[in-house]
């Protein structure tokens, strides 16, 4: 588990060539290049909207199921864990 984490960090701070070539250290340049792209703000916005909507939906669904399971009905003991 430590090796993949370390390797990911190395890839992120170098100009890694998969086939041939030399790997050079670039520091945080890869990160600044990604943030500087014009698509970054739209992608970040889409991600935040997706997270917000899915969390609210999952919370509402879980609340509805919990309220349903809190009622007395036949077979309740089988369904509840």
PDB file of N, CA and C in Angstrom:
ATOM      1  N   UNK A   1       0.819  -1.188   0.000  1.00  0.00           N
ATOM      2  CA  UNK A   1       0.000   0.000   0.000  1.00  0.00           C
ATOM      3  C   UNK A   1       0.869   1.260   0.000  1.00  0.00           C
ATOM      4  N   UNK A   2       2.055   1.163   0.546  1.00  0.00           N
ATOM      5  CA  UNK A   2       2.943   2.321   0.598  1.00  0.00           C
ATOM      6  C   UNK A   2       3.557   2.588  -0.774  1.00  0.00           C
ATOM      7  N   UNK A   3       3.914   1.542  -1.493  1.00  0.00           N
ATOM      8  CA  UNK A   3       4.556   1.727  -2.796  1.00  0.00           C
ATOM      9  C   UNK A   3       3.669   2.469  -3.799  1.00  0.00           C
ATOM     10  N   UNK A   4       2.389   2.080  -3.970  1.00  0.00           N
ATOM     11  CA  UNK A   4       1.558   2.828  -4.918  1.00  0.00           C
ATOM     12  C   UNK A   4       1.396   4.306  -4.548  1.00  0.00           C
ATOM     13  N   UNK A   5       1.301   4.596  -3.254  1.00  0.00           N
ATOM     14  CA  UNK A   5       1.197   5.983  -2.815  1.00  0.00           C
ATOM     15  C   UNK A   5       2.469   6.748  -3.166  1.00  0.00           C
ATOM     16  N   UNK A   6       3.606   6.166  -2.858  1.00  0.00           N
ATOM     17  CA  UNK A   6       4.886   6.793  -3.174  1.00  0.00           C
ATOM     18  C   UNK A   6       5.047   6.984  -4.677  1.00  0.00           C
ATOM     19  N   UNK A   7       4.688   5.974  -5.457  1.00  0.00           N
ATOM     20  CA  UNK A   7       4.815   6.053  -6.909  1.00  0.00           C
ATOM     21  C   UNK A   7       3.912   7.142  -7.484  1.00  0.00           C
ATOM     22  N   UNK A   8       2.720   7.288  -6.951  1.00  0.00           N
ATOM     23  CA  UNK A   8       1.808   8.340  -7.402  1.00  0.00           C
ATOM     24  C   UNK A   8       2.396   9.715  -7.133  1.00  0.00           C
ATOM     25  N   UNK A   9       2.988   9.886  -5.983  1.00  0.00           N
ATOM     26  CA  UNK A   9       3.623  11.173  -5.656  1.00  0.00           C
ATOM     27  C   UNK A   9       4.775  11.446  -6.613  1.00  0.00           C
ATOM     28  N   UNK A  10       5.576  10.427  -6.901  1.00  0.00           N
ATOM     29  CA  UNK A  10       6.698  10.593  -7.838  1.00  0.00           C
ATOM     30  C   UNK A  10       6.181  10.975  -9.223  1.00  0.00           C
ATOM     31  N   UNK A  11       5.143  10.294  -9.691  1.00  0.00           N
ATOM     32  CA  UNK A  11       4.577  10.616 -11.010  1.00  0.00           C
ATOM     33  C   UNK A  11       4.046  12.049 -11.048  1.00  0.00           C
ATOM     34  N   UNK A  12       3.467  12.507  -9.960  1.00  0.00           N
ATOM     35  CA  UNK A  12       2.846  13.828  -9.975  1.00  0.00           C
ATOM     36  C   UNK A  12       3.851  14.969  -9.968  1.00  0.00           C
ATOM     37  N   UNK A  13       5.059  14.725  -9.500  1.00  0.00           N
ATOM     38  CA  UNK A  13       6.051  15.806  -9.444  1.00  0.00           C
ATOM     39  C   UNK A  13       7.168  15.645 -10.471  1.00  0.00           C
ATOM     40  N   UNK A  14       6.995  14.706 -11.405  1.00  0.00           N
ATOM     41  CA  UNK A  14       7.989  14.530 -12.468  1.00  0.00           C
ATOM     42  C   UNK A  14       7.307  14.566 -13.830  1.00  0.00           C
ATOM     43  N   UNK A  15       8.131  14.781 -14.848  1.00  0.00           N
ATOM     44  CA  UNK A  15       7.656  14.673 -16.227  1.00  0.00           C
ATOM     45  C   UNK A  15       7.966  13.242 -16.655  1.00  0.00           C
ATOM     46  N   UNK A  16       7.072  12.323 -16.311  1.00  0.00           N
ATOM     47  CA  UNK A  16       7.304  10.892 -16.465  1.00  0.00           C
ATOM     48  C   UNK A  16       7.048  10.449 -17.892  1.00  0.00           C
ATOM     49  N   UNK A  17       8.002   9.750 -18.458  1.00  0.00           N
ATOM     50  CA  UNK A  17       7.854   9.180 -19.799  1.00  0.00           C
ATOM     51  C   UNK A  17       7.597   7.690 -19.646  1.00  0.00           C
ATOM     52  N   UNK A  18       6.465   7.216 -20.140  1.00  0.00           N
ATOM     53  CA  UNK A  18       6.107   5.815 -19.990  1.00  0.00           C
ATOM     54  C   UNK A  18       7.005   4.917 -20.828  1.00  0.00           C
ATOM     55  N   UNK A  19       7.284   5.348 -22.043  1.00  0.00           N
ATOM     56  CA  UNK A  19       8.119   4.539 -22.938  1.00  0.00           C
ATOM     57  C   UNK A  19       9.352   5.355 -23.307  1.00  0.00           C
ATOM     58  N   UNK A  20      10.496   4.882 -22.874  1.00  0.00           N
ATOM     59  CA  UNK A  20      11.744   5.545 -23.219  1.00  0.00           C
ATOM     60  C   UNK A  20      11.841   6.943 -22.648  1.00  0.00           C
ATOM     61  N   UNK A  21      12.860   7.617 -23.001  1.00  0.00           N
ATOM     62  CA  UNK A  21      13.034   8.996 -22.573  1.00  0.00           C
ATOM     63  C   UNK A  21      13.452   9.108 -21.118  1.00  0.00           C
ATOM     64  N   UNK A  22      13.757  10.309 -20.743  1.00  0.00           N
ATOM     65  CA  UNK A  22      14.229  10.589 -19.403  1.00  0.00           C
ATOM     66  C   UNK A  22      13.109  11.173 -18.568  1.00  0.00           C
ATOM     67  N   UNK A  23      13.067  10.795 -17.313  1.00  0.00           N
ATOM     68  CA  UNK A  23      12.100  11.371 -16.389  1.00  0.00           C
ATOM     69  C   UNK A  23      12.761  12.548 -15.699  1.00  0.00           C
ATOM     70  N   UNK A  24      12.125  13.717 -15.783  1.00  0.00           N
ATOM     71  CA  UNK A  24      12.715  14.909 -15.183  1.00  0.00           C
ATOM     72  C   UNK A  24      11.810  15.452 -14.087  1.00  0.00           C
ATOM     73  N   UNK A  25      12.440  16.027 -13.063  1.00  0.00           N
ATOM     74  CA  UNK A  25      11.709  16.607 -11.953  1.00  0.00           C
ATOM     75  C   UNK A  25      11.124  17.955 -12.373  1.00  0.00           C
ATOM     76  N   UNK A  26       9.815  18.145 -12.145  1.00  0.00           N
ATOM     77  CA  UNK A  26       9.174  19.415 -12.493  1.00  0.00           C
ATOM     78  C   UNK A  26       8.502  20.071 -11.298  1.00  0.00           C
ATOM     79  N   UNK A  27       8.528  19.437 -10.155  1.00  0.00           N
ATOM     80  CA  UNK A  27       7.934  20.026  -8.952  1.00  0.00           C
ATOM     81  C   UNK A  27       6.426  20.137  -9.072  1.00  0.00           C
ATOM     82  N   UNK A  28       5.891  21.309  -8.754  1.00  0.00           N
ATOM     83  CA  UNK A  28       4.445  21.528  -8.772  1.00  0.00           C
ATOM     84  C   UNK A  28       3.935  22.035 -10.124  1.00  0.00           C
ATOM     85  N   UNK A  29       4.785  22.019 -11.144  1.00  0.00           N
ATOM     86  CA  UNK A  29       4.397  22.522 -12.461  1.00  0.00           C
ATOM     87  C   UNK A  29       3.199  21.762 -13.030  1.00  0.00           C
ATOM     88  N   UNK A  30       3.138  20.444 -12.825  1.00  0.00           N
ATOM     89  CA  UNK A  30       1.994  19.675 -13.326  1.00  0.00           C
ATOM     90  C   UNK A  30       0.686  20.174 -12.718  1.00  0.00           C
ATOM     91  N   UNK A  31       0.717  20.494 -11.420  1.00  0.00           N
ATOM     92  CA  UNK A  31      -0.488  20.984 -10.751  1.00  0.00           C
ATOM     93  C   UNK A  31      -0.880  22.376 -11.237  1.00  0.00           C
ATOM     94  N   UNK A  32       0.118  23.260 -11.394  1.00  0.00           N
ATOM     95  CA  UNK A  32      -0.197  24.608 -11.869  1.00  0.00           C
ATOM     96  C   UNK A  32      -0.696  24.576 -13.309  1.00  0.00           C
ATOM     97  N   UNK A  33      -0.201  23.649 -14.120  1.00  0.00           N
ATOM     98  CA  UNK A  33      -0.692  23.513 -15.497  1.00  0.00           C
ATOM     99  C   UNK A  33      -2.161  23.091 -15.518  1.00  0.00           C
ATOM    100  N   UNK A  34      -2.520  22.174 -14.649  1.00  0.00           N
ATOM    101  CA  UNK A  34      -3.912  21.714 -14.604  1.00  0.00           C
ATOM    102  C   UNK A  34      -4.823  22.841 -14.129  1.00  0.00           C
ATOM    103  N   UNK A  35      -4.431  23.543 -13.079  1.00  0.00           N
ATOM    104  CA  UNK A  35      -5.271  24.615 -12.536  1.00  0.00           C
ATOM    105  C   UNK A  35      -5.390  25.768 -13.524  1.00  0.00           C
ATOM    106  N   UNK A  36      -4.366  26.012 -14.317  1.00  0.00           N
ATOM    107  CA  UNK A  36      -4.373  27.126 -15.262  1.00  0.00           C
ATOM    108  C   UNK A  36      -5.253  26.867 -16.481  1.00  0.00           C
ATOM    109  N   UNK A  37      -5.603  25.625 -16.751  1.00  0.00           N
ATOM    110  CA  UNK A  37      -6.434  25.321 -17.923  1.00  0.00           C
ATOM    111  C   UNK A  37      -7.817  25.932 -17.757  1.00  0.00           C
ATOM    112  N   UNK A  38      -8.418  26.360 -18.848  1.00  0.00           N
ATOM    113  CA  UNK A  38      -9.721  27.022 -18.783  1.00  0.00           C
ATOM    114  C   UNK A  38     -10.840  26.056 -18.414  1.00  0.00           C
ATOM    115  N   UNK A  39     -10.658  24.757 -18.634  1.00  0.00           N
ATOM    116  CA  UNK A  39     -11.694  23.787 -18.291  1.00  0.00           C
ATOM    117  C   UNK A  39     -11.740  23.489 -16.798  1.00  0.00           C
ATOM    118  N   UNK A  40     -10.690  23.826 -16.067  1.00  0.00           N
ATOM    119  CA  UNK A  40     -10.590  23.438 -14.663  1.00  0.00           C
ATOM    120  C   UNK A  40     -11.745  23.980 -13.835  1.00  0.00           C
ATOM    121  N   UNK A  41     -12.105  25.235 -14.014  1.00  0.00           N
ATOM    122  CA  UNK A  41     -13.182  25.807 -13.203  1.00  0.00           C
ATOM    123  C   UNK A  41     -14.513  25.126 -13.503  1.00  0.00           C
ATOM    124  N   UNK A  42     -14.769  24.799 -14.765  1.00  0.00           N
ATOM    125  CA  UNK A  42     -16.017  24.116 -15.112  1.00  0.00           C
ATOM    126  C   UNK A  42     -16.037  22.698 -14.549  1.00  0.00           C
ATOM    127  N   UNK A  43     -14.927  22.018 -14.629  1.00  0.00           N
ATOM    128  CA  UNK A  43     -14.847  20.655 -14.096  1.00  0.00           C
ATOM    129  C   UNK A  43     -15.018  20.677 -12.577  1.00  0.00           C
ATOM    130  N   UNK A  44     -14.403  21.628 -11.906  1.00  0.00           N
ATOM    131  CA  UNK A  44     -14.544  21.754 -10.456  1.00  0.00           C
ATOM    132  C   UNK A  44     -15.989  22.053 -10.080  1.00  0.00           C
ATOM    133  N   UNK A  45     -16.636  22.947 -10.823  1.00  0.00           N
ATOM    134  CA  UNK A  45     -18.043  23.274 -10.572  1.00  0.00           C
ATOM    135  C   UNK A  45     -18.927  22.037 -10.764  1.00  0.00           C
ATOM    136  N   UNK A  46     -18.731  21.310 -11.859  1.00  0.00           N
ATOM    137  CA  UNK A  46     -19.518  20.105 -12.119  1.00  0.00           C
ATOM    138  C   UNK A  46     -19.329  19.067 -11.012  1.00  0.00           C
ATOM    139  N   UNK A  47     -18.108  18.909 -10.545  1.00  0.00           N
ATOM    140  CA  UNK A  47     -17.824  17.950  -9.482  1.00  0.00           C
ATOM    141  C   UNK A  47     -18.533  18.341  -8.194  1.00  0.00           C
ATOM    142  N   UNK A  48     -18.475  19.615  -7.829  1.00  0.00           N
ATOM    143  CA  UNK A  48     -19.130  20.077  -6.603  1.00  0.00           C
ATOM    144  C   UNK A  48     -20.639  19.931  -6.692  1.00  0.00           C
ATOM    145  N   UNK A  49     -21.230  20.231  -7.841  1.00  0.00           N
ATOM    146  CA  UNK A  49     -22.672  20.055  -8.020  1.00  0.00           C
ATOM    147  C   UNK A  49     -23.031  18.580  -7.906  1.00  0.00           C
ATOM    148  N   UNK A  50     -22.265  17.712  -8.555  1.00  0.00           N
ATOM    149  CA  UNK A  50     -22.522  16.267  -8.500  1.00  0.00           C
ATOM    150  C   UNK A  50     -22.462  15.754  -7.058  1.00  0.00           C
ATOM    151  N   UNK A  51     -21.433  16.169  -6.326  1.00  0.00           N
ATOM    152  CA  UNK A  51     -21.289  15.735  -4.934  1.00  0.00           C
ATOM    153  C   UNK A  51     -22.467  16.230  -4.102  1.00  0.00           C
ATOM    154  N   UNK A  52     -22.829  17.488  -4.235  1.00  0.00           N
ATOM    155  CA  UNK A  52     -23.918  18.060  -3.453  1.00  0.00           C
ATOM    156  C   UNK A  52     -25.233  17.337  -3.744  1.00  0.00           C
ATOM    157  N   UNK A  53     -25.553  17.140  -5.013  1.00  0.00           N
ATOM    158  CA  UNK A  53     -26.816  16.500  -5.389  1.00  0.00           C
ATOM    159  C   UNK A  53     -26.855  15.048  -4.925  1.00  0.00           C
ATOM    160  N   UNK A  54     -25.779  14.310  -5.123  1.00  0.00           N
ATOM    161  CA  UNK A  54     -25.793  12.901  -4.734  1.00  0.00           C
ATOM    162  C   UNK A  54     -25.835  12.725  -3.221  1.00  0.00           C
ATOM    163  N   UNK A  55     -25.162  13.590  -2.476  1.00  0.00           N
ATOM    164  CA  UNK A  55     -25.202  13.489  -1.016  1.00  0.00           C
ATOM    165  C   UNK A  55     -26.610  13.792  -0.506  1.00  0.00           C
ATOM    166  N   UNK A  56     -27.241  14.823  -1.038  1.00  0.00           N
ATOM    167  CA  UNK A  56     -28.605  15.156  -0.630  1.00  0.00           C
ATOM    168  C   UNK A  56     -29.554  14.015  -0.990  1.00  0.00           C
ATOM    169  N   UNK A  57     -29.421  13.447  -2.183  1.00  0.00           N
ATOM    170  CA  UNK A  57     -30.278  12.339  -2.605  1.00  0.00           C
ATOM    171  C   UNK A  57     -30.082  11.119  -1.705  1.00  0.00           C
ATOM    172  N   UNK A  58     -28.841  10.769  -1.433  1.00  0.00           N
ATOM    173  CA  UNK A  58     -28.569   9.611  -0.584  1.00  0.00           C
ATOM    174  C   UNK A  58     -29.083   9.828   0.835  1.00  0.00           C
ATOM    175  N   UNK A  59     -28.937  11.040   1.338  1.00  0.00           N
ATOM    176  CA  UNK A  59     -29.436  11.341   2.675  1.00  0.00           C
ATOM    177  C   UNK A  59     -30.955  11.221   2.714  1.00  0.00           C
ATOM    178  N   UNK A  60     -31.629  11.772   1.721  1.00  0.00           N
ATOM    179  CA  UNK A  60     -33.088  11.701   1.668  1.00  0.00           C
ATOM    180  C   UNK A  60     -33.565  10.259   1.541  1.00  0.00           C
ATOM    181  N   UNK A  61     -32.910   9.477   0.700  1.00  0.00           N
ATOM    182  CA  UNK A  61     -33.287   8.081   0.533  1.00  0.00           C
ATOM    183  C   UNK A  61     -33.058   7.296   1.824  1.00  0.00           C
ATOM    184  N   UNK A  62     -31.930   7.507   2.474  1.00  0.00           N
ATOM    185  CA  UNK A  62     -31.637   6.811   3.730  1.00  0.00           C
ATOM    186  C   UNK A  62     -32.626   7.207   4.818  1.00  0.00           C
ATOM    187  N   UNK A  63     -33.001   8.467   4.875  1.00  0.00           N
ATOM    188  CA  UNK A  63     -33.988   8.919   5.855  1.00  0.00           C
ATOM    189  C   UNK A  63     -35.341   8.282   5.595  1.00  0.00           C
ATOM    190  N   UNK A  64     -35.737   8.208   4.330  1.00  0.00           N
ATOM    191  CA  UNK A  64     -37.018   7.591   3.984  1.00  0.00           C
ATOM    192  C   UNK A  64     -37.033   6.110   4.355  1.00  0.00           C
ATOM    193  N   UNK A  65     -35.963   5.405   4.084  1.00  0.00           N
ATOM    194  CA  UNK A  65     -35.881   3.980   4.433  1.00  0.00           C
ATOM    195  C   UNK A  65     -35.878   3.813   5.951  1.00  0.00           C
ATOM    196  N   UNK A  66     -35.156   4.662   6.663  1.00  0.00           N
ATOM    197  CA  UNK A  66     -35.115   4.571   8.121  1.00  0.00           C
ATOM    198  C   UNK A  66     -36.497   4.844   8.721  1.00  0.00           C
ATOM    199  N   UNK A  67     -37.202   5.829   8.203  1.00  0.00           N
ATOM    200  CA  UNK A  67     -38.546   6.119   8.703  1.00  0.00           C
ATOM    201  C   UNK A  67     -39.501   4.968   8.394  1.00  0.00           C
ATOM    202  N   UNK A  68     -39.347   4.368   7.228  1.00  0.00           N
ATOM    203  CA  UNK A  68     -40.187   3.229   6.859  1.00  0.00           C
ATOM    204  C   UNK A  68     -39.923   2.049   7.788  1.00  0.00           C
ATOM    205  N   UNK A  69     -38.656   1.753   8.048  1.00  0.00           N
ATOM    206  CA  UNK A  69     -38.306   0.619   8.897  1.00  0.00           C
ATOM    207  C   UNK A  69     -38.642   0.865  10.366  1.00  0.00           C
ATOM    208  N   UNK A  70     -38.864   2.104  10.728  1.00  0.00           N
ATOM    209  CA  UNK A  70     -39.233   2.429  12.104  1.00  0.00           C
ATOM    210  C   UNK A  70     -40.708   2.135  12.381  1.00  0.00           C
ATOM    211  N   UNK A  71     -41.504   1.997  11.321  1.00  0.00           N
ATOM    212  CA  UNK A  71     -42.928   1.682  11.471  1.00  0.00           C
ATOM    213  C   UNK A  71     -43.089   0.205  11.770  1.00  0.00           C
ATOM    214  N   UNK A  72     -44.190  -0.140  12.410  1.00  0.00           N
ATOM    215  CA  UNK A  72     -44.486  -1.549  12.697  1.00  0.00           C
ATOM    216  C   UNK A  72     -45.232  -2.145  11.508  1.00  0.00           C
ATOM    217  N   UNK A  73     -44.678  -3.237  10.964  1.00  0.00           N
ATOM    218  CA  UNK A  73     -45.325  -3.953   9.870  1.00  0.00           C
ATOM    219  C   UNK A  73     -44.876  -5.403   9.908  1.00  0.00           C
ATOM    220  N   UNK A  74     -45.619  -6.263   9.238  1.00  0.00           N
ATOM    221  CA  UNK A  74     -45.298  -7.682   9.226  1.00  0.00           C
ATOM    222  C   UNK A  74     -43.988  -7.902   8.477  1.00  0.00           C
ATOM    223  N   UNK A  75     -43.054  -8.649   9.049  1.00  0.00           N
ATOM    224  CA  UNK A  75     -41.766  -8.933   8.426  1.00  0.00           C
ATOM    225  C   UNK A  75     -40.699  -7.913   8.756  1.00  0.00           C
ATOM    226  N   UNK A  76     -40.981  -6.980   9.641  1.00  0.00           N
ATOM    227  CA  UNK A  76     -40.039  -5.935   9.981  1.00  0.00           C
ATOM    228  C   UNK A  76     -38.732  -6.507  10.547  1.00  0.00           C
ATOM    229  N   UNK A  77     -38.860  -7.539  11.382  1.00  0.00           N
ATOM    230  CA  UNK A  77     -37.680  -8.156  11.992  1.00  0.00           C
ATOM    231  C   UNK A  77     -36.775  -8.827  10.974  1.00  0.00           C
ATOM    232  N   UNK A  78     -37.346  -9.299   9.888  1.00  0.00           N
ATOM    233  CA  UNK A  78     -36.551  -9.944   8.846  1.00  0.00           C
ATOM    234  C   UNK A  78     -35.755  -8.905   8.059  1.00  0.00           C
ATOM    235  N   UNK A  79     -36.377  -7.770   7.795  1.00  0.00           N
ATOM    236  CA  UNK A  79     -35.744  -6.724   6.977  1.00  0.00           C
ATOM    237  C   UNK A  79     -34.704  -5.954   7.758  1.00  0.00           C
ATOM    238  N   UNK A  80     -34.990  -5.645   9.032  1.00  0.00           N
ATOM    239  CA  UNK A  80     -34.047  -4.886   9.847  1.00  0.00           C
ATOM    240  C   UNK A  80     -32.827  -5.732  10.158  1.00  0.00           C
ATOM    241  N   UNK A  81     -31.710  -5.100  10.202  1.00  0.00           N
ATOM    242  CA  UNK A  81     -30.478  -5.800  10.529  1.00  0.00           C
ATOM    243  C   UNK A  81     -29.998  -5.324  11.876  1.00  0.00           C
TER     244      UNK A  81
END
